[in-house]
Amino acid sequence: MVDKGILYICATPIGNLEDITLRVLNTLRQVDLIAAEDTRHSRKLLQHYGITVPLISYHQHNEKSRSQELLARLKEGLALALITDAGMPGISDPGSELIRCCYQENIPVDVLPGPSAVLTALVLSGLADGNFAFQGFLPANAGECRRKLQEYCELPLTQIFYEAPHRLLATLQLMAEVFGDRPAAVVREITKLHQSVYRGTLSELIRQFATKSPRGECCIITSPYTALLKTGGPGEWACEVQEALDQGLSRQEALKEVAGRYGVSKREVYNALLRKPKD
């Protein structure tokens, strides 16, 4: 049985409708109102399971104003469920604002766990190894995206990113430039009919997607920054950059070539070049 005046955060399927939990289904049947990111999308899920509870929209464009309305409903004693189009509300989806408001007003919040694109993609990638960081969507602007990746490039953690299919190739190319040619994976259409996992180095993934545009939402998983990638060491990187320059390559071309060869970022190679003693 659900309790009145409580906000229930309910995880919903990320693809396969059978992934919903029995607890979430029972809760959705018993609450007084369901707040949904896209009522048209969520209505399909509810109809599939014969749930007729009223729906109200709650998305990124009305999150602040609608939160106050939902708080009033909760204070009146209604039991309210919050769902998004897929996965857990509040994780790259609307929900955090309402949860904060509830805690400020001392309204109880309960979370009903379930499907997670982040964890599913991480395990599918084969790169799960203890600690990891979920970075969500990168900025759409190329300059901002590069700056954000530079912040992340030396983290000793497996990292998970969300990405739209039309931006996947450009993001992989930026990652290879900033992160170096480290092992990575792309997981797409999680739990759906055409679920796919692509594994390899960033350069190998770039070659694969250069001729094959993916469909469906994608997750990119990158292996941790590690000193084990740095064979040769800064002194050797600097010498090889100088050799490339002597052969007529531009500085940017030389940095990119050496960084890819040793699986490190261009910034590390550049710093090694700056530290190289003058002859």
C-alpha atoms as a PDB file:
ATOM      1  CA  MET A   1       0.000   0.000   0.000  1.00  0.00           C
ATOM      2  CA  VAL A   2       1.198   3.519  -0.748  1.00  0.00           C
ATOM      3  CA  ASP A   3       1.148   6.220   1.915  1.00  0.00           C
ATOM      4  CA  LYS A   4      -0.507   9.583   1.379  1.00  0.00           C
ATOM      5  CA  GLY A   5       1.547  12.763   1.057  1.00  0.00           C
ATOM      6  CA  ILE A   6       4.652  10.947  -0.245  1.00  0.00           C
ATOM      7  CA  LEU A   7       6.542  11.491  -3.487  1.00  0.00           C
ATOM      8  CA  TYR A   8       7.482   8.165  -5.066  1.00  0.00           C
ATOM      9  CA  ILE A   9      10.393   8.307  -7.535  1.00  0.00           C
ATOM     10  CA  CYS A  10       9.828   5.396  -9.914  1.00  0.00           C
ATOM     11  CA  ALA A  11      12.367   3.973 -12.373  1.00  0.00           C
ATOM     12  CA  THR A  12      10.806   2.912 -15.673  1.00  0.00           C
ATOM     13  CA  PRO A  13      12.074   0.713 -18.538  1.00  0.00           C
ATOM     14  CA  ILE A  14      14.826   2.086 -20.774  1.00  0.00           C
ATOM     15  CA  GLY A  15      13.649  -0.057 -23.675  1.00  0.00           C
ATOM     16  CA  ASN A  16      12.132  -3.429 -22.898  1.00  0.00           C
ATOM     17  CA  LEU A  17       8.784  -2.915 -21.117  1.00  0.00           C
ATOM     18  CA  GLU A  18       9.264  -6.150 -19.149  1.00  0.00           C
ATOM     19  CA  ASP A  19      12.127  -4.578 -17.171  1.00  0.00           C
ATOM     20  CA  ILE A  20       9.754  -2.657 -14.874  1.00  0.00           C
ATOM     21  CA  THR A  21       9.637  -3.930 -11.281  1.00  0.00           C
ATOM     22  CA  LEU A  22       6.552  -5.341  -9.546  1.00  0.00           C
ATOM     23  CA  ARG A  23       6.946  -2.726  -6.822  1.00  0.00           C
ATOM     24  CA  VAL A  24       6.847   0.129  -9.333  1.00  0.00           C
ATOM     25  CA  LEU A  25       3.769  -1.335 -11.026  1.00  0.00           C
ATOM     26  CA  ASN A  26       1.944  -1.716  -7.706  1.00  0.00           C
ATOM     27  CA  THR A  27       2.844   1.847  -6.732  1.00  0.00           C
ATOM     28  CA  LEU A  28       1.743   3.336 -10.056  1.00  0.00           C
ATOM     29  CA  ARG A  29      -1.613   1.588  -9.685  1.00  0.00           C
ATOM     30  CA  GLN A  30      -2.216   2.981  -6.199  1.00  0.00           C
ATOM     31  CA  VAL A  31      -1.018   6.607  -6.302  1.00  0.00           C
ATOM     32  CA  ASP A  32      -3.462   9.473  -6.891  1.00  0.00           C
ATOM     33  CA  LEU A  33      -1.442  11.183  -9.623  1.00  0.00           C
ATOM     34  CA  ILE A  34       1.527  10.390 -11.868  1.00  0.00           C
ATOM     35  CA  ALA A  35       3.851  13.180 -13.012  1.00  0.00           C
ATOM     36  CA  ALA A  36       5.475  12.167 -16.317  1.00  0.00           C
ATOM     37  CA  GLU A  37       8.168  13.729 -18.515  1.00  0.00           C
ATOM     38  CA  ASP A  38       6.129  13.057 -21.681  1.00  0.00           C
ATOM     39  CA  THR A  39       2.538  12.038 -20.952  1.00  0.00           C
ATOM     40  CA  ARG A  40       2.067  10.640 -24.475  1.00  0.00           C
ATOM     41  CA  HIS A  41       5.105   8.392 -24.107  1.00  0.00           C
ATOM     42  CA  SER A  42       4.254   7.277 -20.566  1.00  0.00           C
ATOM     43  CA  ARG A  43       0.622   6.594 -21.442  1.00  0.00           C
ATOM     44  CA  LYS A  44       1.802   3.741 -23.703  1.00  0.00           C
ATOM     45  CA  LEU A  45       3.605   2.146 -20.762  1.00  0.00           C
ATOM     46  CA  LEU A  46       0.621   2.575 -18.434  1.00  0.00           C
ATOM     47  CA  GLN A  47      -1.835   1.243 -21.009  1.00  0.00           C
ATOM     48  CA  HIS A  48       0.387  -1.803 -21.518  1.00  0.00           C
ATOM     49  CA  TYR A  49      -0.092  -2.658 -17.847  1.00  0.00           C
ATOM     50  CA  GLY A  50      -3.707  -1.497 -17.559  1.00  0.00           C
ATOM     51  CA  ILE A  51      -2.955   1.486 -15.289  1.00  0.00           C
ATOM     52  CA  THR A  52      -5.535   4.301 -15.470  1.00  0.00           C
ATOM     53  CA  VAL A  53      -4.213   6.782 -12.868  1.00  0.00           C
ATOM     54  CA  PRO A  54      -4.346  10.435 -14.094  1.00  0.00           C
ATOM     55  CA  LEU A  55      -1.182  11.910 -15.643  1.00  0.00           C
ATOM     56  CA  ILE A  56       0.292  15.408 -15.400  1.00  0.00           C
ATOM     57  CA  SER A  57       3.301  16.671 -17.373  1.00  0.00           C
ATOM     58  CA  TYR A  58       6.593  17.393 -15.608  1.00  0.00           C
ATOM     59  CA  HIS A  59       9.514  18.179 -17.917  1.00  0.00           C
ATOM     60  CA  GLN A  60      12.553  20.453 -18.200  1.00  0.00           C
ATOM     61  CA  HIS A  61      10.533  23.380 -19.550  1.00  0.00           C
ATOM     62  CA  ASN A  62       7.980  23.506 -16.704  1.00  0.00           C
ATOM     63  CA  GLU A  63      10.033  21.916 -13.929  1.00  0.00           C
ATOM     64  CA  LYS A  64      10.186  24.945 -11.624  1.00  0.00           C
ATOM     65  CA  SER A  65       6.563  26.083 -11.937  1.00  0.00           C
ATOM     66  CA  ARG A  66       5.100  22.576 -11.923  1.00  0.00           C
ATOM     67  CA  SER A  67       7.139  21.640  -8.825  1.00  0.00           C
ATOM     68  CA  GLN A  68       5.178  24.185  -6.778  1.00  0.00           C
ATOM     69  CA  GLU A  69       1.890  22.788  -8.046  1.00  0.00           C
ATOM     70  CA  LEU A  70       2.913  19.234  -7.200  1.00  0.00           C
ATOM     71  CA  LEU A  71       4.101  20.317  -3.745  1.00  0.00           C
ATOM     72  CA  ALA A  72       0.631  21.729  -3.089  1.00  0.00           C
ATOM     73  CA  ARG A  73      -0.937  18.405  -4.111  1.00  0.00           C
ATOM     74  CA  LEU A  74       1.384  16.516  -1.772  1.00  0.00           C
ATOM     75  CA  LYS A  75       0.549  18.875   1.111  1.00  0.00           C
ATOM     76  CA  GLU A  76      -3.130  18.145   0.468  1.00  0.00           C
ATOM     77  CA  GLY A  77      -2.360  14.499   1.172  1.00  0.00           C
ATOM     78  CA  LEU A  78      -2.175  13.042  -2.327  1.00  0.00           C
ATOM     79  CA  ALA A  79       0.225  10.205  -3.107  1.00  0.00           C
ATOM     80  CA  LEU A  80       2.290  11.193  -6.143  1.00  0.00           C
ATOM     81  CA  ALA A  81       4.572   9.175  -8.445  1.00  0.00           C
ATOM     82  CA  LEU A  82       7.246  10.758 -10.646  1.00  0.00           C
ATOM     83  CA  ILE A  83       8.411   8.982 -13.800  1.00  0.00           C
ATOM     84  CA  THR A  84      10.444   9.941 -16.873  1.00  0.00           C
ATOM     85  CA  ASP A  85      10.508   8.575 -20.399  1.00  0.00           C
ATOM     86  CA  ALA A  86      13.145   6.014 -19.414  1.00  0.00           C
ATOM     87  CA  GLY A  87      15.219   5.163 -16.364  1.00  0.00           C
ATOM     88  CA  MET A  88      15.517   6.967 -13.044  1.00  0.00           C
ATOM     89  CA  PRO A  89      14.111  10.507 -12.627  1.00  0.00           C
ATOM     90  CA  GLY A  90      16.800  13.005 -11.654  1.00  0.00           C
ATOM     91  CA  ILE A  91      19.609  11.285 -13.591  1.00  0.00           C
ATOM     92  CA  SER A  92      19.961  13.361 -16.791  1.00  0.00           C
ATOM     93  CA  ASP A  93      16.167  13.698 -16.603  1.00  0.00           C
ATOM     94  CA  PRO A  94      13.754  15.995 -14.721  1.00  0.00           C
ATOM     95  CA  GLY A  95      13.242  15.261 -11.031  1.00  0.00           C
ATOM     96  CA  SER A  96      16.008  16.866  -8.988  1.00  0.00           C
ATOM     97  CA  GLU A  97      14.121  20.157  -8.571  1.00  0.00           C
ATOM     98  CA  LEU A  98      10.996  18.500  -7.180  1.00  0.00           C
ATOM     99  CA  ILE A  99      13.014  16.288  -4.846  1.00  0.00           C
ATOM    100  CA  ARG A 100      14.871  19.314  -3.435  1.00  0.00           C
ATOM    101  CA  CYS A 101      11.589  21.162  -2.938  1.00  0.00           C
ATOM    102  CA  CYS A 102      10.117  18.199  -1.073  1.00  0.00           C
ATOM    103  CA  TYR A 103      13.023  18.044   1.339  1.00  0.00           C
ATOM    104  CA  GLN A 104      12.818  21.797   1.927  1.00  0.00           C
ATOM    105  CA  GLU A 105       9.141  21.377   2.842  1.00  0.00           C
ATOM    106  CA  ASN A 106       9.732  18.201   4.902  1.00  0.00           C
ATOM    107  CA  ILE A 107       7.672  16.105   2.493  1.00  0.00           C
ATOM    108  CA  PRO A 108       8.736  12.414   2.467  1.00  0.00           C
ATOM    109  CA  VAL A 109      10.416  11.032  -0.659  1.00  0.00           C
ATOM    110  CA  ASP A 110      10.852   7.372  -1.543  1.00  0.00           C
ATOM    111  CA  VAL A 111      12.879   5.952  -4.440  1.00  0.00           C
ATOM    112  CA  LEU A 112      11.838   2.732  -6.168  1.00  0.00           C
ATOM    113  CA  PRO A 113      14.933   1.384  -7.971  1.00  0.00           C
ATOM    114  CA  GLY A 114      14.895  -0.198 -11.381  1.00  0.00           C
ATOM    115  CA  PRO A 115      16.431   0.029 -14.868  1.00  0.00           C
ATOM    116  CA  SER A 116      19.560   2.145 -15.282  1.00  0.00           C
ATOM    117  CA  ALA A 117      21.191   2.933 -18.635  1.00  0.00           C
ATOM    118  CA  VAL A 118      24.389   3.978 -16.843  1.00  0.00           C
ATOM    119  CA  LEU A 119      25.000   0.691 -15.032  1.00  0.00           C
ATOM    120  CA  THR A 120      23.729  -1.476 -17.889  1.00  0.00           C
ATOM    121  CA  ALA A 121      26.066   0.216 -20.377  1.00  0.00           C
ATOM    122  CA  LEU A 122      29.000   0.031 -17.973  1.00  0.00           C
ATOM    123  CA  VAL A 123      28.648  -3.720 -17.455  1.00  0.00           C
ATOM    124  CA  LEU A 124      27.965  -4.399 -21.159  1.00  0.00           C
ATOM    125  CA  SER A 125      31.106  -2.485 -22.143  1.00  0.00           C
ATOM    126  CA  GLY A 126      33.401  -4.911 -20.351  1.00  0.00           C
ATOM    127  CA  LEU A 127      35.259  -1.919 -18.887  1.00  0.00           C
ATOM    128  CA  ALA A 128      33.747  -2.017 -15.402  1.00  0.00           C
ATOM    129  CA  ASP A 129      36.601  -2.116 -12.924  1.00  0.00           C
ATOM    130  CA  GLY A 130      35.710  -0.750  -9.508  1.00  0.00           C
ATOM    131  CA  ASN A 131      35.400   3.044  -9.523  1.00  0.00           C
ATOM    132  CA  PHE A 132      33.607   4.916 -12.282  1.00  0.00           C
ATOM    133  CA  ALA A 133      32.199   8.371 -13.013  1.00  0.00           C
ATOM    134  CA  PHE A 134      28.964   9.175 -14.843  1.00  0.00           C
ATOM    135  CA  GLN A 135      29.456  12.389 -16.829  1.00  0.00           C
ATOM    136  CA  GLY A 136      26.069  12.594 -18.577  1.00  0.00           C
ATOM    137  CA  PHE A 137      25.794  14.590 -21.809  1.00  0.00           C
ATOM    138  CA  LEU A 138      28.751  16.695 -22.927  1.00  0.00           C
ATOM    139  CA  PRO A 139      28.180  20.297 -24.115  1.00  0.00           C
ATOM    140  CA  ALA A 140      26.963  20.607 -27.705  1.00  0.00           C
ATOM    141  CA  ASN A 141      29.437  23.412 -28.451  1.00  0.00           C
ATOM    142  CA  ALA A 142      32.759  21.918 -29.643  1.00  0.00           C
ATOM    143  CA  GLY A 143      34.917  24.358 -27.653  1.00  0.00           C
ATOM    144  CA  GLU A 144      32.992  23.792 -24.438  1.00  0.00           C
ATOM    145  CA  CYS A 145      33.034  20.048 -25.055  1.00  0.00           C
ATOM    146  CA  ARG A 146      36.823  20.084 -25.462  1.00  0.00           C
ATOM    147  CA  ARG A 147      37.274  22.064 -22.236  1.00  0.00           C
ATOM    148  CA  LYS A 148      35.067  19.641 -20.342  1.00  0.00           C
ATOM    149  CA  LEU A 149      36.977  16.639 -21.700  1.00  0.00           C
ATOM    150  CA  GLN A 150      40.258  18.275 -20.670  1.00  0.00           C
ATOM    151  CA  GLU A 151      38.907  18.373 -17.118  1.00  0.00           C
ATOM    152  CA  TYR A 152      38.171  14.647 -17.311  1.00  0.00           C
ATOM    153  CA  CYS A 153      41.183  13.355 -19.268  1.00  0.00           C
ATOM    154  CA  GLU A 154      43.406  12.384 -16.326  1.00  0.00           C
ATOM    155  CA  LEU A 155      40.755  10.848 -14.072  1.00  0.00           C
ATOM    156  CA  PRO A 156      41.841   7.344 -12.964  1.00  0.00           C
ATOM    157  CA  LEU A 157      38.254   6.126 -13.429  1.00  0.00           C
ATOM    158  CA  THR A 158      36.134   4.445 -16.049  1.00  0.00           C
ATOM    159  CA  GLN A 159      33.859   7.186 -17.410  1.00  0.00           C
ATOM    160  CA  ILE A 160      30.350   6.927 -18.892  1.00  0.00           C
ATOM    161  CA  PHE A 161      28.875   9.543 -21.224  1.00  0.00           C
ATOM    162  CA  TYR A 162      25.473   9.868 -22.883  1.00  0.00           C
ATOM    163  CA  GLU A 163      25.490  10.958 -26.514  1.00  0.00           C
ATOM    164  CA  ALA A 164      23.011  11.490 -29.342  1.00  0.00           C
ATOM    165  CA  PRO A 165      23.676   9.414 -32.480  1.00  0.00           C
ATOM    166  CA  HIS A 166      24.221  12.413 -34.775  1.00  0.00           C
ATOM    167  CA  ARG A 167      27.001  13.715 -32.492  1.00  0.00           C
ATOM    168  CA  LEU A 168      28.686  10.394 -31.723  1.00  0.00           C
ATOM    169  CA  LEU A 169      31.468  10.538 -34.318  1.00  0.00           C
ATOM    170  CA  ALA A 170      32.467  14.141 -33.512  1.00  0.00           C
ATOM    171  CA  THR A 171      32.554  13.335 -29.785  1.00  0.00           C
ATOM    172  CA  LEU A 172      34.711  10.237 -30.328  1.00  0.00           C
ATOM    173  CA  GLN A 173      37.120  12.338 -32.411  1.00  0.00           C
ATOM    174  CA  LEU A 174      37.409  14.958 -29.671  1.00  0.00           C
ATOM    175  CA  MET A 175      37.910  12.254 -27.064  1.00  0.00           C
ATOM    176  CA  ALA A 176      40.745  10.719 -29.071  1.00  0.00           C
ATOM    177  CA  GLU A 177      42.459  14.107 -29.321  1.00  0.00           C
ATOM    178  CA  VAL A 178      42.090  14.950 -25.633  1.00  0.00           C
ATOM    179  CA  PHE A 179      42.138  11.521 -23.956  1.00  0.00           C
ATOM    180  CA  GLY A 180      44.604   9.779 -26.240  1.00  0.00           C
ATOM    181  CA  ASP A 181      43.833   6.515 -28.009  1.00  0.00           C
ATOM    182  CA  ARG A 182      42.634   4.565 -24.985  1.00  0.00           C
ATOM    183  CA  PRO A 183      40.280   1.534 -24.898  1.00  0.00           C
ATOM    184  CA  ALA A 184      36.598   2.451 -25.054  1.00  0.00           C
ATOM    185  CA  ALA A 185      33.159   1.142 -25.956  1.00  0.00           C
ATOM    186  CA  VAL A 186      29.939   2.417 -27.487  1.00  0.00           C
ATOM    187  CA  VAL A 187      26.688   0.831 -26.319  1.00  0.00           C
ATOM    188  CA  ARG A 188      23.474   1.698 -28.145  1.00  0.00           C
ATOM    189  CA  GLU A 189      19.759   0.836 -27.993  1.00  0.00           C
ATOM    190  CA  ILE A 190      20.123  -0.690 -24.523  1.00  0.00           C
ATOM    191  CA  THR A 191      17.623  -3.524 -23.809  1.00  0.00           C
ATOM    192  CA  LYS A 192      15.950  -2.960 -27.193  1.00  0.00           C
ATOM    193  CA  LEU A 193      15.742  -5.266 -30.218  1.00  0.00           C
ATOM    194  CA  HIS A 194      18.870  -3.832 -31.866  1.00  0.00           C
ATOM    195  CA  GLN A 195      21.045  -3.482 -28.763  1.00  0.00           C
ATOM    196  CA  SER A 196      24.698  -3.326 -29.850  1.00  0.00           C
ATOM    197  CA  VAL A 197      28.092  -3.121 -28.156  1.00  0.00           C
ATOM    198  CA  TYR A 198      31.155  -1.842 -30.035  1.00  0.00           C
ATOM    199  CA  ARG A 199      34.534  -2.233 -28.346  1.00  0.00           C
ATOM    200  CA  GLY A 200      38.046  -1.116 -29.293  1.00  0.00           C
ATOM    201  CA  THR A 201      40.332   1.872 -28.959  1.00  0.00           C
ATOM    202  CA  LEU A 202      38.897   5.309 -29.649  1.00  0.00           C
ATOM    203  CA  SER A 203      40.611   5.386 -33.051  1.00  0.00           C
ATOM    204  CA  GLU A 204      39.103   2.007 -33.950  1.00  0.00           C
ATOM    205  CA  LEU A 205      35.644   3.200 -32.950  1.00  0.00           C
ATOM    206  CA  ILE A 206      36.117   6.351 -35.031  1.00  0.00           C
ATOM    207  CA  ARG A 207      36.948   4.264 -38.110  1.00  0.00           C
ATOM    208  CA  GLN A 208      33.912   2.081 -37.498  1.00  0.00           C
ATOM    209  CA  PHE A 209      31.417   4.930 -37.145  1.00  0.00           C
ATOM    210  CA  ALA A 210      32.961   7.036 -39.928  1.00  0.00           C
ATOM    211  CA  THR A 211      31.182   4.793 -42.429  1.00  0.00           C
ATOM    212  CA  LYS A 212      28.244   3.673 -40.296  1.00  0.00           C
ATOM    213  CA  SER A 213      25.945   6.234 -38.691  1.00  0.00           C
ATOM    214  CA  PRO A 214      24.379   4.769 -35.539  1.00  0.00           C
ATOM    215  CA  ARG A 215      20.716   5.044 -34.616  1.00  0.00           C
ATOM    216  CA  GLY A 216      19.239   5.375 -31.159  1.00  0.00           C
ATOM    217  CA  GLU A 217      20.674   6.864 -27.986  1.00  0.00           C
ATOM    218  CA  CYS A 218      24.283   5.913 -27.272  1.00  0.00           C
ATOM    219  CA  CYS A 219      26.522   5.531 -24.241  1.00  0.00           C
ATOM    220  CA  ILE A 220      30.275   6.003 -24.559  1.00  0.00           C
ATOM    221  CA  ILE A 221      32.461   4.286 -21.973  1.00  0.00           C
ATOM    222  CA  THR A 222      36.168   5.149 -21.722  1.00  0.00           C
ATOM    223  CA  SER A 223      38.831   3.307 -19.776  1.00  0.00           C
ATOM    224  CA  PRO A 224      40.686   5.074 -16.943  1.00  0.00           C
ATOM    225  CA  TYR A 225      43.663   7.334 -17.407  1.00  0.00           C
ATOM    226  CA  THR A 226      46.622   5.250 -16.329  1.00  0.00           C
ATOM    227  CA  ALA A 227      50.384   5.520 -16.309  1.00  0.00           C
ATOM    228  CA  LEU A 228      50.501   2.052 -17.867  1.00  0.00           C
ATOM    229  CA  LEU A 229      49.574   3.668 -21.185  1.00  0.00           C
ATOM    230  CA  LYS A 230      52.620   5.888 -21.078  1.00  0.00           C
ATOM    231  CA  THR A 231      55.264   3.628 -22.534  1.00  0.00           C
ATOM    232  CA  GLY A 232      58.427   5.418 -23.446  1.00  0.00           C
ATOM    233  CA  GLY A 233      57.912   8.370 -21.117  1.00  0.00           C
ATOM    234  CA  PRO A 234      57.860  12.157 -21.652  1.00  0.00           C
ATOM    235  CA  GLY A 235      61.456  12.321 -22.858  1.00  0.00           C
ATOM    236  CA  GLU A 236      60.757   9.911 -25.691  1.00  0.00           C
ATOM    237  CA  TRP A 237      57.476  11.672 -26.600  1.00  0.00           C
ATOM    238  CA  ALA A 238      59.326  14.989 -26.899  1.00  0.00           C
ATOM    239  CA  CYS A 239      62.013  13.460 -29.101  1.00  0.00           C
ATOM    240  CA  GLU A 240      59.451  11.864 -31.383  1.00  0.00           C
ATOM    241  CA  VAL A 241      57.549  15.136 -31.698  1.00  0.00           C
ATOM    242  CA  GLN A 242      60.780  16.835 -32.725  1.00  0.00           C
ATOM    243  CA  GLU A 243      61.445  14.090 -35.287  1.00  0.00           C
ATOM    244  CA  ALA A 244      57.956  14.568 -36.714  1.00  0.00           C
ATOM    245  CA  LEU A 245      58.508  18.327 -36.905  1.00  0.00           C
ATOM    246  CA  ASP A 246      61.803  17.757 -38.717  1.00  0.00           C
ATOM    247  CA  GLN A 247      59.917  15.604 -41.235  1.00  0.00           C
ATOM    248  CA  GLY A 248      57.636  18.516 -42.070  1.00  0.00           C
ATOM    249  CA  LEU A 249      54.567  17.880 -39.923  1.00  0.00           C
ATOM    250  CA  SER A 250      52.868  20.832 -38.255  1.00  0.00           C
ATOM    251  CA  ARG A 251      53.056  21.042 -34.483  1.00  0.00           C
ATOM    252  CA  GLN A 252      49.412  20.012 -34.097  1.00  0.00           C
ATOM    253  CA  GLU A 253      49.886  17.052 -36.448  1.00  0.00           C
ATOM    254  CA  ALA A 254      53.038  15.962 -34.610  1.00  0.00           C
ATOM    255  CA  LEU A 255      51.375  16.186 -31.195  1.00  0.00           C
ATOM    256  CA  LYS A 256      48.343  14.230 -32.403  1.00  0.00           C
ATOM    257  CA  GLU A 257      50.464  11.505 -33.990  1.00  0.00           C
ATOM    258  CA  VAL A 258      52.665  10.941 -30.930  1.00  0.00           C
ATOM    259  CA  ALA A 259      49.726  11.132 -28.512  1.00  0.00           C
ATOM    260  CA  GLY A 260      47.836   8.485 -30.474  1.00  0.00           C
ATOM    261  CA  ARG A 261      50.941   6.281 -30.657  1.00  0.00           C
ATOM    262  CA  TYR A 262      51.335   6.185 -26.876  1.00  0.00           C
ATOM    263  CA  GLY A 263      47.699   6.420 -25.811  1.00  0.00           C
ATOM    264  CA  VAL A 264      48.029   9.749 -24.008  1.00  0.00           C
ATOM    265  CA  SER A 265      46.480  13.187 -24.488  1.00  0.00           C
ATOM    266  CA  LYS A 266      47.984  15.843 -26.746  1.00  0.00           C
ATOM    267  CA  ARG A 267      48.278  18.101 -23.706  1.00  0.00           C
ATOM    268  CA  GLU A 268      50.612  15.627 -21.982  1.00  0.00           C
ATOM    269  CA  VAL A 269      52.822  15.394 -25.051  1.00  0.00           C
ATOM    270  CA  TYR A 270      52.860  19.182 -25.372  1.00  0.00           C
ATOM    271  CA  ASN A 271      53.863  19.549 -21.706  1.00  0.00           C
ATOM    272  CA  ALA A 272      56.647  17.004 -22.266  1.00  0.00           C
ATOM    273  CA  LEU A 273      57.855  19.061 -25.214  1.00  0.00           C
ATOM    274  CA  LEU A 274      57.936  22.191 -23.061  1.00  0.00           C
ATOM    275  CA  ARG A 275      60.010  20.387 -20.410  1.00  0.00           C
ATOM    276  CA  LYS A 276      62.509  19.037 -22.952  1.00  0.00           C
ATOM    277  CA  PRO A 277      65.982  20.521 -22.278  1.00  0.00           C
ATOM    278  CA  LYS A 278      67.217  22.821 -25.025  1.00  0.00           C
ATOM    279  CA  ASP A 279      70.092  21.386 -27.051  1.00  0.00           C
END
